[in-house]
Amino acid sequence: MIRKKPARCGLRVWAAALSTVLVVTAVSAQQPDAFPSRPVRLVVPFPPGGGSDMQARLLADKLRQVWTQPVVVENIAGAGGGVAASAVARAKPDGHTILFATHPMIAINPLLYKKLPYEAKDFTPVVKLMDAPLVLLVPSASPFRTLSDLIKAAKEKPGTINYGSGGLGTTQHLTGEMLKVKAGIDLTLIPYKGNAQTNTALIANEIQLFFDSAPSAAAQVKGGRVRAIAVTGRKRLALLPNVATVAETLPGFESSLAYGLLVPDGTPASIVATINRDVNRVLQSAEYGAQLKNEGTTVEGGTPEQFADFLTRERERWSELVKRLNLKLD
C-alpha cells in the first residue's frame, strides 16, 4: 500500500490569506478614518451670546448640513482664549476637534504673555474665515469730526487726549498704540475691564477715543451717543459707508481682528484639506456672506498655506510694536 504525503496546500493557502489580511490591516491602520465619522466639536473661546459666538454657530449649522454629522459648539472662555486653545491642542488630531480662533491667540499672544498653556506650533492652520475691522469712536459732543482733526489736536497738546481699551494687550489697545506710532502723536491709555465699561466711559466723556467692534459701534452710532470718525480695515464698511478708513489719512494703516479655524498639530493633511474645502464652500454661499456683511465683517477663505502665511506676517508685524512698548503680561 502506497502512503501519501500529508497535503500542505490548505496550510499554504491559509498562510497566504493571513499575510494578505495583515498587509491590508497595516495599510489601513496608517490611513485616517473617514471624516467626519462622528460629531465634530467646534471650540469657541468666548462666552455664549456674543457676536463671535453667533458667527461660530452660524458656521456650525452650515457645516452640519454639509457633513451630515452634528457640529457642536463648545464655549470654553478664559485666559484670553488660552483655556480653549489648550483643550484643542490636547485633543486627538483627527479633525473632530476644531478651534474657532482669533488671530491674536496664535500670532500676538505668544509675544505678550510670559507663559501660555499652548504654543503656536501645537496647531495646524486650516482656513481664514473673516476679517473684522474696528471703528474709532468719539463722544457725540466731541470736537473731532475726522481723524485729521484728532491728529491735529493731539499734536498741539501731546498726552492730553485719552483713549480706552477693554484691557492691556487687546486689539483695541494695540491698535491705539499703532495709531500713535503712524500718526506721530501722544495719546494716554486708560484700560478698563472689558468693552462694556469702556463704552460707558466714552459716553460719559471720561475718555475721548475708543476702537470698538463694528456691530457694537454701528449700534452706538445709530443711538446717537457716539460718532464714528474712522474704520481700521482695508476698505470702508457697508454698515458705515460714510466713515473713512484710517488709511485714507495714514496710508498703509490696517488693523483688523481676523478669525480662523485651526486643528491640533498632527492632523492628517487629507482631513485638513477636506475641512478647508467644505468651509470655503460655506463662505462662498450668498446667505453666509450676507450675514457676515451685516455684522461688519469681510469674508476671507483661501488655503491653509495662505492662512499660515497670514499668521506669520501678523506675528512679524506686531512684534516690533510689542518690543517698542516693552509689554509683557502675566
C-alpha atoms as a PDB file:
ATOM      1  CA  MET A   1       0.000   0.000   0.000  1.00  0.00           C
ATOM      2  CA  ILE A   2       1.364   3.375  -1.020  1.00  0.00           C
ATOM      3  CA  ARG A   3       1.241   6.022   1.777  1.00  0.00           C
ATOM      4  CA  LYS A   4       0.518   9.573   0.573  1.00  0.00           C
ATOM      5  CA  LYS A   5       2.305  12.614   1.956  1.00  0.00           C
ATOM      6  CA  PRO A   6       0.094  14.920   4.029  1.00  0.00           C
ATOM      7  CA  ALA A   7      -1.433  17.708   1.922  1.00  0.00           C
ATOM      8  CA  ARG A   8       0.047  21.122   2.702  1.00  0.00           C
ATOM      9  CA  CYS A   9      -1.942  23.051   0.121  1.00  0.00           C
ATOM     10  CA  GLY A  10      -4.587  24.210   2.612  1.00  0.00           C
ATOM     11  CA  LEU A  11      -1.956  25.469   5.052  1.00  0.00           C
ATOM     12  CA  ARG A  12      -0.182  27.412   2.328  1.00  0.00           C
ATOM     13  CA  VAL A  13      -3.468  28.976   1.171  1.00  0.00           C
ATOM     14  CA  TRP A  14      -4.381  29.988   4.760  1.00  0.00           C
ATOM     15  CA  ALA A  15      -0.915  31.424   5.361  1.00  0.00           C
ATOM     16  CA  ALA A  16      -1.106  33.407   2.143  1.00  0.00           C
ATOM     17  CA  ALA A  17      -4.548  34.678   3.060  1.00  0.00           C
ATOM     18  CA  LEU A  18      -3.387  35.686   6.555  1.00  0.00           C
ATOM     19  CA  SER A  19      -0.422  37.506   5.093  1.00  0.00           C
ATOM     20  CA  THR A  20      -2.748  39.424   2.795  1.00  0.00           C
ATOM     21  CA  VAL A  21      -5.025  40.341   5.719  1.00  0.00           C
ATOM     22  CA  LEU A  22      -2.079  41.564   7.809  1.00  0.00           C
ATOM     23  CA  VAL A  23      -0.783  43.725   4.968  1.00  0.00           C
ATOM     24  CA  VAL A  24      -4.218  45.220   4.345  1.00  0.00           C
ATOM     25  CA  THR A  25      -4.703  45.821   8.077  1.00  0.00           C
ATOM     26  CA  ALA A  26      -1.323  47.502   8.392  1.00  0.00           C
ATOM     27  CA  VAL A  27      -2.030  49.779   5.457  1.00  0.00           C
ATOM     28  CA  SER A  28      -5.500  50.598   6.756  1.00  0.00           C
ATOM     29  CA  ALA A  29      -4.072  51.467  10.164  1.00  0.00           C
ATOM     30  CA  GLN A  30      -1.950  54.108   8.517  1.00  0.00           C
ATOM     31  CA  GLN A  31      -4.937  55.717   6.789  1.00  0.00           C
ATOM     32  CA  PRO A  32      -7.114  58.225   8.652  1.00  0.00           C
ATOM     33  CA  ASP A  33     -10.720  57.287   9.355  1.00  0.00           C
ATOM     34  CA  ALA A  34     -13.329  58.744   7.048  1.00  0.00           C
ATOM     35  CA  PHE A  35     -14.042  62.320   8.050  1.00  0.00           C
ATOM     36  CA  PRO A  36     -16.273  63.135   9.713  1.00  0.00           C
ATOM     37  CA  SER A  37     -17.194  59.785  11.223  1.00  0.00           C
ATOM     38  CA  ARG A  38     -18.806  61.201  14.378  1.00  0.00           C
ATOM     39  CA  PRO A  39     -19.917  64.560  15.839  1.00  0.00           C
ATOM     40  CA  VAL A  40     -17.436  67.429  15.440  1.00  0.00           C
ATOM     41  CA  ARG A  41     -16.571  69.817  18.301  1.00  0.00           C
ATOM     42  CA  LEU A  42     -16.152  73.473  17.345  1.00  0.00           C
ATOM     43  CA  VAL A  43     -14.423  75.001  20.363  1.00  0.00           C
ATOM     44  CA  VAL A  44     -15.126  78.729  20.791  1.00  0.00           C
ATOM     45  CA  PRO A  45     -13.004  80.743  23.279  1.00  0.00           C
ATOM     46  CA  PHE A  46     -15.846  83.165  24.086  1.00  0.00           C
ATOM     47  CA  PRO A  47     -18.967  83.009  26.264  1.00  0.00           C
ATOM     48  CA  PRO A  48     -22.291  82.203  24.590  1.00  0.00           C
ATOM     49  CA  GLY A  49     -24.356  85.022  23.118  1.00  0.00           C
ATOM     50  CA  GLY A  50     -21.667  87.364  21.783  1.00  0.00           C
ATOM     51  CA  GLY A  51     -21.029  88.260  18.169  1.00  0.00           C
ATOM     52  CA  SER A  52     -18.161  85.795  17.756  1.00  0.00           C
ATOM     53  CA  ASP A  53     -20.231  83.001  19.283  1.00  0.00           C
ATOM     54  CA  MET A  54     -23.111  83.758  16.915  1.00  0.00           C
ATOM     55  CA  GLN A  55     -20.775  83.625  13.905  1.00  0.00           C
ATOM     56  CA  ALA A  56     -19.376  80.291  15.079  1.00  0.00           C
ATOM     57  CA  ARG A  57     -22.883  78.865  15.485  1.00  0.00           C
ATOM     58  CA  LEU A  58     -23.870  80.003  12.013  1.00  0.00           C
ATOM     59  CA  LEU A  59     -20.803  78.257  10.587  1.00  0.00           C
ATOM     60  CA  ALA A  60     -21.500  75.126  12.646  1.00  0.00           C
ATOM     61  CA  ASP A  61     -25.056  74.939  11.318  1.00  0.00           C
ATOM     62  CA  LYS A  62     -23.867  75.192   7.714  1.00  0.00           C
ATOM     63  CA  LEU A  63     -21.170  72.543   8.213  1.00  0.00           C
ATOM     64  CA  ARG A  64     -23.686  70.211   9.836  1.00  0.00           C
ATOM     65  CA  GLN A  65     -25.679  70.325   6.603  1.00  0.00           C
ATOM     66  CA  VAL A  66     -22.560  69.580   4.537  1.00  0.00           C
ATOM     67  CA  TRP A  67     -21.171  66.810   6.729  1.00  0.00           C
ATOM     68  CA  THR A  68     -24.490  65.265   7.850  1.00  0.00           C
ATOM     69  CA  GLN A  69     -22.946  64.996  11.294  1.00  0.00           C
ATOM     70  CA  PRO A  70     -23.652  67.148  14.364  1.00  0.00           C
ATOM     71  CA  VAL A  71     -21.254  70.094  14.716  1.00  0.00           C
ATOM     72  CA  VAL A  72     -21.414  71.039  18.382  1.00  0.00           C
ATOM     73  CA  VAL A  73     -20.296  74.494  19.510  1.00  0.00           C
ATOM     74  CA  GLU A  74     -18.458  74.241  22.826  1.00  0.00           C
ATOM     75  CA  ASN A  75     -17.829  77.544  24.596  1.00  0.00           C
ATOM     76  CA  ILE A  76     -14.666  77.470  26.722  1.00  0.00           C
ATOM     77  CA  ALA A  77     -13.897  81.018  27.848  1.00  0.00           C
ATOM     78  CA  GLY A  78     -10.986  82.139  29.994  1.00  0.00           C
ATOM     79  CA  ALA A  79      -7.377  83.312  29.929  1.00  0.00           C
ATOM     80  CA  GLY A  80      -7.778  85.275  26.715  1.00  0.00           C
ATOM     81  CA  GLY A  81      -8.595  82.111  24.780  1.00  0.00           C
ATOM     82  CA  GLY A  82      -5.869  80.091  26.471  1.00  0.00           C
ATOM     83  CA  VAL A  83      -8.193  77.556  28.088  1.00  0.00           C
ATOM     84  CA  ALA A  84      -9.923  76.761  24.793  1.00  0.00           C
ATOM     85  CA  ALA A  85      -6.675  76.628  22.843  1.00  0.00           C
ATOM     86  CA  SER A  86      -5.096  74.307  25.392  1.00  0.00           C
ATOM     87  CA  ALA A  87      -8.083  71.950  25.233  1.00  0.00           C
ATOM     88  CA  VAL A  88      -7.881  71.721  21.440  1.00  0.00           C
ATOM     89  CA  ALA A  89      -4.092  71.284  21.460  1.00  0.00           C
ATOM     90  CA  ARG A  90      -4.517  68.179  23.655  1.00  0.00           C
ATOM     91  CA  ALA A  91      -7.316  66.688  21.537  1.00  0.00           C
ATOM     92  CA  LYS A  92      -6.861  63.729  19.207  1.00  0.00           C
ATOM     93  CA  PRO A  93      -5.583  65.057  15.849  1.00  0.00           C
ATOM     94  CA  ASP A  94      -8.309  63.568  13.678  1.00  0.00           C
ATOM     95  CA  GLY A  95     -10.251  66.672  12.635  1.00  0.00           C
ATOM     96  CA  HIS A  96     -13.138  66.114  15.043  1.00  0.00           C
ATOM     97  CA  THR A  97     -11.987  68.920  17.367  1.00  0.00           C
ATOM     98  CA  ILE A  98     -11.595  72.336  15.726  1.00  0.00           C
ATOM     99  CA  LEU A  99     -10.628  75.668  17.289  1.00  0.00           C
ATOM    100  CA  PHE A 100     -12.558  78.781  16.247  1.00  0.00           C
ATOM    101  CA  ALA A 101      -9.795  81.273  16.974  1.00  0.00           C
ATOM    102  CA  THR A 102      -8.948  84.939  16.667  1.00  0.00           C
ATOM    103  CA  HIS A 103      -5.570  85.575  15.079  1.00  0.00           C
ATOM    104  CA  PRO A 104      -4.062  87.283  18.186  1.00  0.00           C
ATOM    105  CA  MET A 105      -4.359  83.963  20.043  1.00  0.00           C
ATOM    106  CA  ILE A 106      -1.757  82.468  17.696  1.00  0.00           C
ATOM    107  CA  ALA A 107       0.155  85.434  16.265  1.00  0.00           C
ATOM    108  CA  ILE A 108       0.235  88.024  19.056  1.00  0.00           C
ATOM    109  CA  ASN A 109      -0.444  86.480  22.476  1.00  0.00           C
ATOM    110  CA  PRO A 110       2.810  84.459  22.413  1.00  0.00           C
ATOM    111  CA  LEU A 111       4.595  87.809  22.081  1.00  0.00           C
ATOM    112  CA  LEU A 112       2.714  89.345  25.007  1.00  0.00           C
ATOM    113  CA  TYR A 113       2.371  86.664  27.647  1.00  0.00           C
ATOM    114  CA  LYS A 114       5.249  85.326  29.687  1.00  0.00           C
ATOM    115  CA  LYS A 115       3.616  81.921  29.851  1.00  0.00           C
ATOM    116  CA  LEU A 116       0.784  80.369  27.833  1.00  0.00           C
ATOM    117  CA  PRO A 117      -0.782  76.897  28.202  1.00  0.00           C
ATOM    118  CA  TYR A 118      -0.156  76.306  24.480  1.00  0.00           C
ATOM    119  CA  GLU A 119       2.240  77.189  21.667  1.00  0.00           C
ATOM    120  CA  ALA A 120       1.585  78.229  18.087  1.00  0.00           C
ATOM    121  CA  LYS A 121       3.265  75.037  16.897  1.00  0.00           C
ATOM    122  CA  ASP A 122       0.554  72.997  18.655  1.00  0.00           C
ATOM    123  CA  PHE A 123      -1.832  73.810  15.795  1.00  0.00           C
ATOM    124  CA  THR A 124      -2.229  73.425  12.060  1.00  0.00           C
ATOM    125  CA  PRO A 125      -3.955  76.372  10.344  1.00  0.00           C
ATOM    126  CA  VAL A 126      -6.962  75.300   8.259  1.00  0.00           C
ATOM    127  CA  VAL A 127      -8.646  78.405   6.854  1.00  0.00           C
ATOM    128  CA  LYS A 128      -9.037  82.124   7.495  1.00  0.00           C
ATOM    129  CA  LEU A 129     -12.726  82.843   7.921  1.00  0.00           C
ATOM    130  CA  MET A 130     -13.167  86.600   8.135  1.00  0.00           C
ATOM    131  CA  ASP A 131     -11.705  89.993   8.978  1.00  0.00           C
ATOM    132  CA  ALA A 132     -13.491  92.241  11.476  1.00  0.00           C
ATOM    133  CA  PRO A 133     -12.139  95.805  11.441  1.00  0.00           C
ATOM    134  CA  LEU A 134     -12.547  98.211  14.344  1.00  0.00           C
ATOM    135  CA  VAL A 135     -14.257 101.582  14.346  1.00  0.00           C
ATOM    136  CA  LEU A 136     -12.722 104.642  16.001  1.00  0.00           C
ATOM    137  CA  LEU A 137     -15.422 106.281  18.114  1.00  0.00           C
ATOM    138  CA  VAL A 138     -15.621 109.637  19.891  1.00  0.00           C
ATOM    139  CA  PRO A 139     -18.389 111.043  22.135  1.00  0.00           C
ATOM    140  CA  SER A 140     -21.245 112.682  20.244  1.00  0.00           C
ATOM    141  CA  ALA A 141     -20.228 116.099  21.648  1.00  0.00           C
ATOM    142  CA  SER A 142     -16.574 115.675  20.615  1.00  0.00           C
ATOM    143  CA  PRO A 143     -14.993 118.421  18.516  1.00  0.00           C
ATOM    144  CA  PHE A 144     -13.311 115.708  16.389  1.00  0.00           C
ATOM    145  CA  ARG A 145     -15.189 115.187  13.141  1.00  0.00           C
ATOM    146  CA  THR A 146     -12.379 113.472  11.257  1.00  0.00           C
ATOM    147  CA  LEU A 147      -9.181 111.626  12.016  1.00  0.00           C
ATOM    148  CA  SER A 148      -7.255 114.674  10.803  1.00  0.00           C
ATOM    149  CA  ASP A 149      -8.986 116.773  13.496  1.00  0.00           C
ATOM    150  CA  LEU A 150      -7.855 114.303  16.134  1.00  0.00           C
ATOM    151  CA  ILE A 151      -4.258 114.161  14.917  1.00  0.00           C
ATOM    152  CA  LYS A 152      -4.021 117.953  14.798  1.00  0.00           C
ATOM    153  CA  ALA A 153      -5.339 118.322  18.362  1.00  0.00           C
ATOM    154  CA  ALA A 154      -3.049 115.565  19.671  1.00  0.00           C
ATOM    155  CA  LYS A 155      -0.004 117.277  18.171  1.00  0.00           C
ATOM    156  CA  GLU A 156      -0.979 120.637  19.640  1.00  0.00           C
ATOM    157  CA  LYS A 157      -1.464 119.203  23.172  1.00  0.00           C
ATOM    158  CA  PRO A 158       0.510 115.930  23.498  1.00  0.00           C
ATOM    159  CA  GLY A 159      -0.723 113.454  26.098  1.00  0.00           C
ATOM    160  CA  THR A 160      -3.967 115.279  26.885  1.00  0.00           C
ATOM    161  CA  ILE A 161      -6.264 113.003  24.854  1.00  0.00           C
ATOM    162  CA  ASN A 162      -7.260 109.698  26.464  1.00  0.00           C
ATOM    163  CA  TYR A 163      -8.163 106.540  24.621  1.00  0.00           C
ATOM    164  CA  GLY A 164      -9.741 103.491  26.216  1.00  0.00           C
ATOM    165  CA  SER A 165      -9.376  99.753  25.741  1.00  0.00           C
ATOM    166  CA  GLY A 166     -11.008  96.662  27.164  1.00  0.00           C
ATOM    167  CA  GLY A 167      -7.685  95.652  28.735  1.00  0.00           C
ATOM    168  CA  LEU A 168      -3.953  95.581  28.154  1.00  0.00           C
ATOM    169  CA  GLY A 169      -2.805  93.639  25.107  1.00  0.00           C
ATOM    170  CA  THR A 170      -6.228  93.667  23.469  1.00  0.00           C
ATOM    171  CA  THR A 171      -6.692  94.502  19.809  1.00  0.00           C
ATOM    172  CA  GLN A 172      -8.122  97.891  20.813  1.00  0.00           C
ATOM    173  CA  HIS A 173      -5.066  98.669  22.915  1.00  0.00           C
ATOM    174  CA  LEU A 174      -2.544  97.666  20.258  1.00  0.00           C
ATOM    175  CA  THR A 175      -4.489  99.477  17.532  1.00  0.00           C
ATOM    176  CA  GLY A 176      -4.356 102.661  19.596  1.00  0.00           C
ATOM    177  CA  GLU A 177      -0.603 102.252  20.020  1.00  0.00           C
ATOM    178  CA  MET A 178      -0.209 101.704  16.280  1.00  0.00           C
ATOM    179  CA  LEU A 179      -2.143 104.913  15.639  1.00  0.00           C
ATOM    180  CA  LYS A 180       0.243 106.794  17.930  1.00  0.00           C
ATOM    181  CA  VAL A 181       3.259 105.480  16.013  1.00  0.00           C
ATOM    182  CA  LYS A 182       1.856 106.004  12.498  1.00  0.00           C
ATOM    183  CA  ALA A 183       0.499 109.481  13.222  1.00  0.00           C
ATOM    184  CA  GLY A 184       3.404 110.586  15.410  1.00  0.00           C
ATOM    185  CA  ILE A 185       1.137 111.604  18.299  1.00  0.00           C
ATOM    186  CA  ASP A 186       0.970 111.004  22.041  1.00  0.00           C
ATOM    187  CA  LEU A 187      -2.257 109.576  23.474  1.00  0.00           C
ATOM    188  CA  THR A 188      -2.849 108.364  27.036  1.00  0.00           C
ATOM    189  CA  LEU A 189      -4.181 104.820  27.513  1.00  0.00           C
ATOM    190  CA  ILE A 190      -6.939 104.189  30.074  1.00  0.00           C
ATOM    191  CA  PRO A 191      -7.517 100.403  30.315  1.00  0.00           C
ATOM    192  CA  TYR A 192     -10.863  99.060  31.532  1.00  0.00           C
ATOM    193  CA  LYS A 193     -12.160  95.597  32.358  1.00  0.00           C
ATOM    194  CA  GLY A 194     -13.995  94.807  29.148  1.00  0.00           C
ATOM    195  CA  ASN A 195     -15.613  96.711  26.306  1.00  0.00           C
ATOM    196  CA  ALA A 196     -18.856  97.449  28.167  1.00  0.00           C
ATOM    197  CA  GLN A 197     -17.031  99.567  30.737  1.00  0.00           C
ATOM    198  CA  THR A 198     -15.033 101.282  28.008  1.00  0.00           C
ATOM    199  CA  ASN A 199     -18.151 102.239  26.067  1.00  0.00           C
ATOM    200  CA  THR A 200     -19.725 103.643  29.232  1.00  0.00           C
ATOM    201  CA  ALA A 201     -16.605 105.714  29.868  1.00  0.00           C
ATOM    202  CA  LEU A 202     -16.668 107.041  26.295  1.00  0.00           C
ATOM    203  CA  ILE A 203     -20.302 108.145  26.524  1.00  0.00           C
ATOM    204  CA  ALA A 204     -19.512 109.840  29.856  1.00  0.00           C
ATOM    205  CA  ASN A 205     -16.534 111.597  28.200  1.00  0.00           C
ATOM    206  CA  GLU A 206     -14.092 110.046  30.679  1.00  0.00           C
ATOM    207  CA  ILE A 207     -12.130 109.047  27.586  1.00  0.00           C
ATOM    208  CA  GLN A 208     -12.120 110.744  24.212  1.00  0.00           C
ATOM    209  CA  LEU A 209     -11.465 107.753  21.913  1.00  0.00           C
ATOM    210  CA  PHE A 210     -12.272 104.061  21.682  1.00  0.00           C
ATOM    211  CA  PHE A 211     -11.706 101.457  18.948  1.00  0.00           C
ATOM    212  CA  ASP A 212     -14.866  99.331  19.097  1.00  0.00           C
ATOM    213  CA  SER A 213     -16.050  96.324  17.103  1.00  0.00           C
ATOM    214  CA  ALA A 214     -18.115  97.187  14.034  1.00  0.00           C
ATOM    215  CA  PRO A 215     -21.540  95.791  15.136  1.00  0.00           C
ATOM    216  CA  SER A 216     -21.304  97.447  18.555  1.00  0.00           C
ATOM    217  CA  ALA A 217     -20.045 100.701  17.038  1.00  0.00           C
ATOM    218  CA  ALA A 218     -22.848 100.811  14.461  1.00  0.00           C
ATOM    219  CA  ALA A 219     -25.459 100.341  17.183  1.00  0.00           C
ATOM    220  CA  GLN A 220     -23.908 103.091  19.307  1.00  0.00           C
ATOM    221  CA  VAL A 221     -23.717 105.481  16.365  1.00  0.00           C
ATOM    222  CA  LYS A 222     -27.332 104.768  15.444  1.00  0.00           C
ATOM    223  CA  GLY A 223     -28.326 105.574  19.020  1.00  0.00           C
ATOM    224  CA  GLY A 224     -26.697 108.970  18.698  1.00  0.00           C
ATOM    225  CA  ARG A 225     -24.475 108.573  21.739  1.00  0.00           C
ATOM    226  CA  VAL A 226     -21.179 108.441  19.852  1.00  0.00           C
ATOM    227  CA  ARG A 227     -19.705 109.422  16.494  1.00  0.00           C
ATOM    228  CA  ALA A 228     -17.572 107.249  14.209  1.00  0.00           C
ATOM    229  CA  ILE A 229     -14.611 109.029  12.627  1.00  0.00           C
ATOM    230  CA  ALA A 230     -12.593 106.181  11.078  1.00  0.00           C
ATOM    231  CA  VAL A 231     -12.526 102.470  10.246  1.00  0.00           C
ATOM    232  CA  THR A 232      -9.326 100.431  10.656  1.00  0.00           C
ATOM    233  CA  GLY A 233      -9.842  97.930   7.821  1.00  0.00           C
ATOM    234  CA  ARG A 234      -8.677  97.920   4.207  1.00  0.00           C
ATOM    235  CA  LYS A 235     -11.913  99.427   2.941  1.00  0.00           C
ATOM    236  CA  ARG A 236     -14.997 101.195   4.169  1.00  0.00           C
ATOM    237  CA  LEU A 237     -17.767  99.234   5.862  1.00  0.00           C
ATOM    238  CA  ALA A 238     -21.214  98.674   4.396  1.00  0.00           C
ATOM    239  CA  LEU A 239     -22.546  99.277   7.911  1.00  0.00           C
ATOM    240  CA  LEU A 240     -20.961 102.754   7.996  1.00  0.00           C
ATOM    241  CA  PRO A 241     -20.382 103.682   4.336  1.00  0.00           C
ATOM    242  CA  ASN A 242     -19.711 107.375   5.027  1.00  0.00           C
ATOM    243  CA  VAL A 243     -16.939 106.713   7.536  1.00  0.00           C
ATOM    244  CA  ALA A 244     -13.442 106.894   6.021  1.00  0.00           C
ATOM    245  CA  THR A 245     -10.712 104.357   6.682  1.00  0.00           C
ATOM    246  CA  VAL A 246      -7.688 105.326   8.754  1.00  0.00           C
ATOM    247  CA  ALA A 247      -5.591 104.502   5.680  1.00  0.00           C
ATOM    248  CA  GLU A 248      -7.221 107.355   3.773  1.00  0.00           C
ATOM    249  CA  THR A 249      -5.372 109.669   6.166  1.00  0.00           C
ATOM    250  CA  LEU A 250      -2.442 107.421   7.124  1.00  0.00           C
ATOM    251  CA  PRO A 251      -1.597 105.258   4.082  1.00  0.00           C
ATOM    252  CA  GLY A 252      -0.777 101.649   4.912  1.00  0.00           C
ATOM    253  CA  PHE A 253      -2.595 101.615   8.257  1.00  0.00           C
ATOM    254  CA  GLU A 254      -4.609  98.460   8.847  1.00  0.00           C
ATOM    255  CA  SER A 255      -5.752  96.648  11.968  1.00  0.00           C
ATOM    256  CA  SER A 256      -8.484  94.038  11.996  1.00  0.00           C
ATOM    257  CA  LEU A 257      -9.458  91.130  14.162  1.00  0.00           C
ATOM    258  CA  ALA A 258      -9.223  88.021  11.993  1.00  0.00           C
ATOM    259  CA  TYR A 259     -10.997  84.743  12.710  1.00  0.00           C
ATOM    260  CA  GLY A 260      -9.951  81.311  11.521  1.00  0.00           C
ATOM    261  CA  LEU A 261     -10.056  77.581  12.142  1.00  0.00           C
ATOM    262  CA  LEU A 262      -7.168  75.513  13.486  1.00  0.00           C
ATOM    263  CA  VAL A 263      -6.796  71.829  14.342  1.00  0.00           C
ATOM    264  CA  PRO A 264      -4.298  70.009  16.576  1.00  0.00           C
ATOM    265  CA  ASP A 265      -0.855  69.550  15.103  1.00  0.00           C
ATOM    266  CA  GLY A 266      -0.523  66.127  13.512  1.00  0.00           C
ATOM    267  CA  THR A 267      -3.967  66.135  11.914  1.00  0.00           C
ATOM    268  CA  PRO A 268      -3.648  64.293   8.551  1.00  0.00           C
ATOM    269  CA  ALA A 269      -3.279  66.583   5.553  1.00  0.00           C
ATOM    270  CA  SER A 270      -6.226  64.893   3.831  1.00  0.00           C
ATOM    271  CA  ILE A 271      -8.547  65.865   6.703  1.00  0.00           C
ATOM    272  CA  VAL A 272      -7.211  69.426   6.796  1.00  0.00           C
ATOM    273  CA  ALA A 273      -7.898  69.639   3.049  1.00  0.00           C
ATOM    274  CA  THR A 274     -11.456  68.317   3.500  1.00  0.00           C
ATOM    275  CA  ILE A 275     -12.304  70.844   6.216  1.00  0.00           C
ATOM    276  CA  ASN A 276     -10.741  73.653   4.183  1.00  0.00           C
ATOM    277  CA  ARG A 277     -12.692  72.708   1.054  1.00  0.00           C
ATOM    278  CA  ASP A 278     -16.046  72.462   2.820  1.00  0.00           C
ATOM    279  CA  VAL A 279     -15.602  75.648   4.854  1.00  0.00           C
ATOM    280  CA  ASN A 280     -14.676  77.581   1.698  1.00  0.00           C
ATOM    281  CA  ARG A 281     -17.902  76.378   0.096  1.00  0.00           C
ATOM    282  CA  VAL A 282     -19.859  77.730   3.065  1.00  0.00           C
ATOM    283  CA  LEU A 283     -18.007  81.052   2.980  1.00  0.00           C
ATOM    284  CA  GLN A 284     -18.786  81.462  -0.720  1.00  0.00           C
ATOM    285  CA  SER A 285     -22.521  80.930  -0.255  1.00  0.00           C
ATOM    286  CA  ALA A 286     -24.617  84.060  -0.722  1.00  0.00           C
ATOM    287  CA  GLU A 287     -26.551  83.578   2.528  1.00  0.00           C
ATOM    288  CA  TYR A 288     -23.457  83.259   4.719  1.00  0.00           C
ATOM    289  CA  GLY A 289     -21.701  86.176   3.022  1.00  0.00           C
ATOM    290  CA  ALA A 290     -24.712  88.439   3.500  1.00  0.00           C
ATOM    291  CA  GLN A 291     -24.902  87.554   7.182  1.00  0.00           C
ATOM    292  CA  LEU A 292     -21.258  88.447   7.781  1.00  0.00           C
ATOM    293  CA  LYS A 293     -21.591  91.678   5.795  1.00  0.00           C
ATOM    294  CA  ASN A 294     -24.437  92.686   8.104  1.00  0.00           C
ATOM    295  CA  GLU A 295     -22.093  92.101  11.036  1.00  0.00           C
ATOM    296  CA  GLY A 296     -19.445  94.412   9.587  1.00  0.00           C
ATOM    297  CA  THR A 297     -17.026  91.653   8.672  1.00  0.00           C
ATOM    298  CA  THR A 298     -15.337  90.678   5.421  1.00  0.00           C
ATOM    299  CA  VAL A 299     -15.415  87.084   4.193  1.00  0.00           C
ATOM    300  CA  GLU A 300     -11.930  85.714   3.522  1.00  0.00           C
ATOM    301  CA  GLY A 301     -11.394  81.976   2.858  1.00  0.00           C
ATOM    302  CA  GLY A 302      -8.391  80.566   0.999  1.00  0.00           C
ATOM    303  CA  THR A 303      -5.910  77.754   1.519  1.00  0.00           C
ATOM    304  CA  PRO A 304      -4.288  76.517   4.743  1.00  0.00           C
ATOM    305  CA  GLU A 305      -0.968  77.837   3.438  1.00  0.00           C
ATOM    306  CA  GLN A 306      -2.426  81.314   2.937  1.00  0.00           C
ATOM    307  CA  PHE A 307      -3.784  81.348   6.478  1.00  0.00           C
ATOM    308  CA  ALA A 308      -0.425  80.166   7.843  1.00  0.00           C
ATOM    309  CA  ASP A 309       1.359  82.918   5.891  1.00  0.00           C
ATOM    310  CA  PHE A 310      -1.081  85.499   7.253  1.00  0.00           C
ATOM    311  CA  LEU A 311      -0.396  84.430  10.842  1.00  0.00           C
ATOM    312  CA  THR A 312       3.351  84.620  10.237  1.00  0.00           C
ATOM    313  CA  ARG A 313       3.078  88.122   8.762  1.00  0.00           C
ATOM    314  CA  GLU A 314       0.924  89.315  11.645  1.00  0.00           C
ATOM    315  CA  ARG A 315       3.396  87.949  14.174  1.00  0.00           C
ATOM    316  CA  GLU A 316       6.214  89.818  12.472  1.00  0.00           C
ATOM    317  CA  ARG A 317       4.164  92.997  12.056  1.00  0.00           C
ATOM    318  CA  TRP A 318       3.108  93.262  15.684  1.00  0.00           C
ATOM    319  CA  SER A 319       6.342  92.019  17.258  1.00  0.00           C
ATOM    320  CA  GLU A 320       8.083  95.334  16.578  1.00  0.00           C
ATOM    321  CA  LEU A 321       5.315  97.284  18.319  1.00  0.00           C
ATOM    322  CA  VAL A 322       5.226  94.899  21.304  1.00  0.00           C
ATOM    323  CA  LYS A 323       9.000  95.256  21.721  1.00  0.00           C
ATOM    324  CA  ARG A 324       8.693  99.020  21.461  1.00  0.00           C
ATOM    325  CA  LEU A 325       6.104  99.032  24.240  1.00  0.00           C
ATOM    326  CA  ASN A 326       8.160  96.578  26.315  1.00  0.00           C
ATOM    327  CA  LEU A 327       4.822  94.947  27.050  1.00  0.00           C
ATOM    328  CA  LYS A 328       4.788  91.636  28.919  1.00  0.00           C
ATOM    329  CA  LEU A 329       1.656  90.245  30.560  1.00  0.00           C
ATOM    330  CA  ASP A 330       1.306  87.545  33.215  1.00  0.00           C
END
